[in-house]
Amino acid sequence: MKCKERMEQYLRENGVPFEAMTHAQAFTMQEVAAALHVAGDQVAKVVIVKAGDRMVMLVVPAPYRLDFGQLRTLLDAKKVRLAAENEFEGLFPDCATGAMPPFGNLYDLPVYVDEVLALEPDIVFRVGTHRDTMKVAYADFARLVQPTVAEFTWLA
């Protein structure tokens, strides 16, 4: 099953209303925000990091950057770095590389959400391709994923 269909089924099974959207191919979440005419703070960028020897999913607003000092403390790791695509692409077999949704719970990954994104009423995120996105209420996302919410970004 493709990621988009899997997400639609998962959200329906859990009673979560969603809006599926298609846009021109976009590789950055800032491009997605522009294509959809949505504020960048509402667009969830998924970043996979390696904290020590474990993979972690971070979910941040599109225009924000990671604060690695805060991440080392938060993740209790001496070393935190961006994971290389070849290190994580196998974790998301139903997704194009870099187009995974922020539902790490479906991929056995811990999820951390930056507090700025947690303040948004709705979030927009990719669902497996560089053309497909969904919009859900942040409260519904948080109920399903149960992420750790913390401050670990800065506005670029």
Protein backbone atom coordinates (compact mmCIF):
# COMPACT_ATOMS: atom_id res chain seq x y z
CA MET A 1 0.00 0.00 0.00
CA LYS A 2 1.31 3.45 -0.86
CA CYS A 3 1.88 5.99 1.89
CA LYS A 4 -1.01 8.26 0.87
CA GLU A 5 -3.51 5.40 0.91
CA ARG A 6 -2.07 4.09 4.18
CA MET A 7 -2.42 7.54 5.78
CA GLU A 8 -5.97 8.00 4.51
CA GLN A 9 -6.96 4.60 5.92
CA TYR A 10 -5.22 5.26 9.25
CA LEU A 11 -6.85 8.66 9.68
CA ARG A 12 -10.32 7.35 8.76
CA GLU A 13 -9.96 4.40 11.17
CA ASN A 14 -9.11 6.88 13.92
CA GLY A 15 -11.91 9.33 13.09
CA VAL A 16 -9.58 12.12 12.00
CA PRO A 17 -10.88 14.54 9.38
CA PHE A 18 -8.24 15.44 6.80
CA GLU A 19 -7.82 17.36 3.60
CA ALA A 20 -5.77 15.66 0.88
CA MET A 21 -4.04 18.07 -1.50
CA THR A 22 -1.98 17.74 -4.67
CA HIS A 23 0.43 20.41 -5.89
CA ALA A 24 3.24 20.86 -8.38
CA GLN A 25 6.32 18.81 -7.54
CA ALA A 26 8.20 20.47 -4.70
CA PHE A 27 11.31 19.26 -2.91
CA THR A 28 11.47 21.65 0.04
CA MET A 29 8.67 22.30 2.49
CA GLN A 30 9.00 26.04 1.83
CA GLU A 31 8.19 25.26 -1.82
CA VAL A 32 5.21 23.20 -0.64
CA ALA A 33 4.00 26.13 1.47
CA ALA A 34 4.28 28.47 -1.51
CA ALA A 35 2.53 26.02 -3.86
CA LEU A 36 -0.37 25.62 -1.44
CA HIS A 37 -0.46 29.27 -0.32
CA VAL A 38 -0.06 28.19 3.31
CA ALA A 39 2.03 29.86 6.01
CA GLY A 40 5.40 28.16 6.48
CA ASP A 41 4.82 27.84 10.24
CA GLN A 42 1.90 25.51 9.49
CA VAL A 43 3.90 23.22 7.18
CA ALA A 44 5.54 20.30 8.98
CA LYS A 45 9.04 19.48 7.82
CA VAL A 46 10.22 15.99 8.79
CA VAL A 47 13.90 15.67 9.62
CA ILE A 48 15.57 12.40 10.56
CA VAL A 49 18.56 12.65 12.87
CA LYS A 50 20.92 10.12 14.31
CA ALA A 51 21.27 10.61 18.08
CA GLY A 52 24.08 8.35 19.16
CA ASP A 53 23.16 5.04 17.55
CA ARG A 54 19.39 5.62 17.23
CA MET A 55 17.25 7.28 14.59
CA VAL A 56 14.79 9.97 15.67
CA MET A 57 12.07 11.80 13.73
CA LEU A 58 11.92 15.56 14.26
CA VAL A 59 8.93 17.57 13.07
CA VAL A 60 9.50 21.30 12.68
CA PRO A 61 7.89 24.28 10.94
CA ALA A 62 9.22 24.64 7.39
CA PRO A 63 11.19 27.89 7.84
CA TYR A 64 12.91 26.80 11.06
CA ARG A 65 16.36 25.29 11.58
CA LEU A 66 17.57 22.78 14.15
CA ASP A 67 19.48 23.84 17.25
CA PHE A 68 21.86 20.91 17.69
CA GLY A 69 22.94 22.04 21.16
CA GLN A 70 19.36 21.85 22.39
CA LEU A 71 18.88 18.53 20.58
CA ARG A 72 21.90 16.93 22.27
CA THR A 73 20.40 17.85 25.64
CA LEU A 74 16.85 16.86 24.71
CA LEU A 75 17.87 13.52 23.20
CA ASP A 76 20.52 12.85 25.87
CA ALA A 77 23.12 12.16 23.20
CA LYS A 78 26.72 13.32 22.93
CA LYS A 79 26.42 13.46 19.17
CA VAL A 80 23.37 14.39 17.09
CA ARG A 81 23.63 14.75 13.32
CA LEU A 82 21.41 14.75 10.28
CA ALA A 83 20.94 11.20 9.05
CA ALA A 84 22.04 10.55 5.49
CA GLU A 85 19.24 9.56 3.12
CA ASN A 86 20.73 6.10 2.62
CA GLU A 87 20.60 5.59 6.40
CA PHE A 88 16.85 6.16 6.67
CA GLU A 89 15.21 5.52 3.29
CA GLY A 90 14.68 1.85 4.15
CA LEU A 91 12.63 2.87 7.18
CA PHE A 92 9.98 4.34 4.86
CA PRO A 93 9.46 1.75 2.12
CA ASP A 94 6.14 3.27 1.00
CA CYS A 95 7.57 6.79 0.57
CA ALA A 96 9.79 8.62 -1.88
CA THR A 97 13.04 9.62 -0.19
CA GLY A 98 12.44 12.75 1.87
CA ALA A 99 8.64 12.64 1.52
CA MET A 100 7.71 10.76 4.68
CA PRO A 101 4.79 11.87 6.85
CA PRO A 102 5.38 12.98 10.46
CA PHE A 103 3.79 9.80 11.81
CA GLY A 104 6.90 8.11 13.18
CA ASN A 105 4.63 5.91 15.28
CA LEU A 106 3.73 4.06 12.05
CA TYR A 107 7.43 3.48 11.32
CA ASP A 108 8.65 2.61 14.83
CA LEU A 109 10.46 5.92 15.32
CA PRO A 110 10.23 8.27 18.28
CA VAL A 111 8.76 11.65 17.28
CA TYR A 112 9.74 15.06 18.63
CA VAL A 113 7.77 18.14 17.61
CA ASP A 114 9.07 21.66 18.02
CA GLU A 115 6.83 23.72 20.28
CA VAL A 116 6.31 26.37 17.59
CA LEU A 117 4.55 23.84 15.36
CA ALA A 118 2.51 22.53 18.30
CA LEU A 119 0.90 25.98 18.60
CA GLU A 120 -0.62 25.75 15.11
CA PRO A 121 -4.30 24.77 14.86
CA ASP A 122 -3.63 22.70 11.71
CA ILE A 123 -0.55 21.19 10.13
CA VAL A 124 0.24 20.31 6.50
CA PHE A 125 2.62 17.45 5.72
CA ARG A 126 3.83 15.20 2.91
CA VAL A 127 2.31 11.79 2.37
CA GLY A 128 4.87 9.77 0.48
CA THR A 129 5.49 11.85 -2.64
CA HIS A 130 6.77 15.29 -3.57
CA ARG A 131 3.29 16.16 -4.91
CA ASP A 132 0.88 14.91 -2.23
CA THR A 133 0.14 16.52 1.12
CA MET A 134 -2.49 16.34 3.83
CA LYS A 135 -3.84 18.80 6.34
CA VAL A 136 -5.06 17.73 9.78
CA ALA A 137 -5.77 19.43 13.08
CA TYR A 138 -2.64 19.49 15.21
CA ALA A 139 -4.68 18.15 18.15
CA ASP A 140 -5.61 15.05 16.13
CA PHE A 141 -2.01 14.54 15.03
CA ALA A 142 -0.82 14.83 18.64
CA ARG A 143 -3.48 12.39 19.87
CA LEU A 144 -2.39 9.73 17.36
CA VAL A 145 1.38 10.21 17.41
CA GLN A 146 1.86 11.31 21.04
CA PRO A 147 5.07 13.18 20.23
CA THR A 148 7.42 14.76 22.70
CA VAL A 149 7.00 18.53 22.37
CA ALA A 150 10.07 20.67 23.08
CA GLU A 151 11.99 23.71 21.91
CA PHE A 152 14.82 22.75 19.53
CA THR A 153 14.68 25.11 16.55
CA TRP A 154 15.34 28.70 15.58
CA LEU A 155 13.78 30.81 12.83
CA ALA A 156 16.09 31.08 9.85
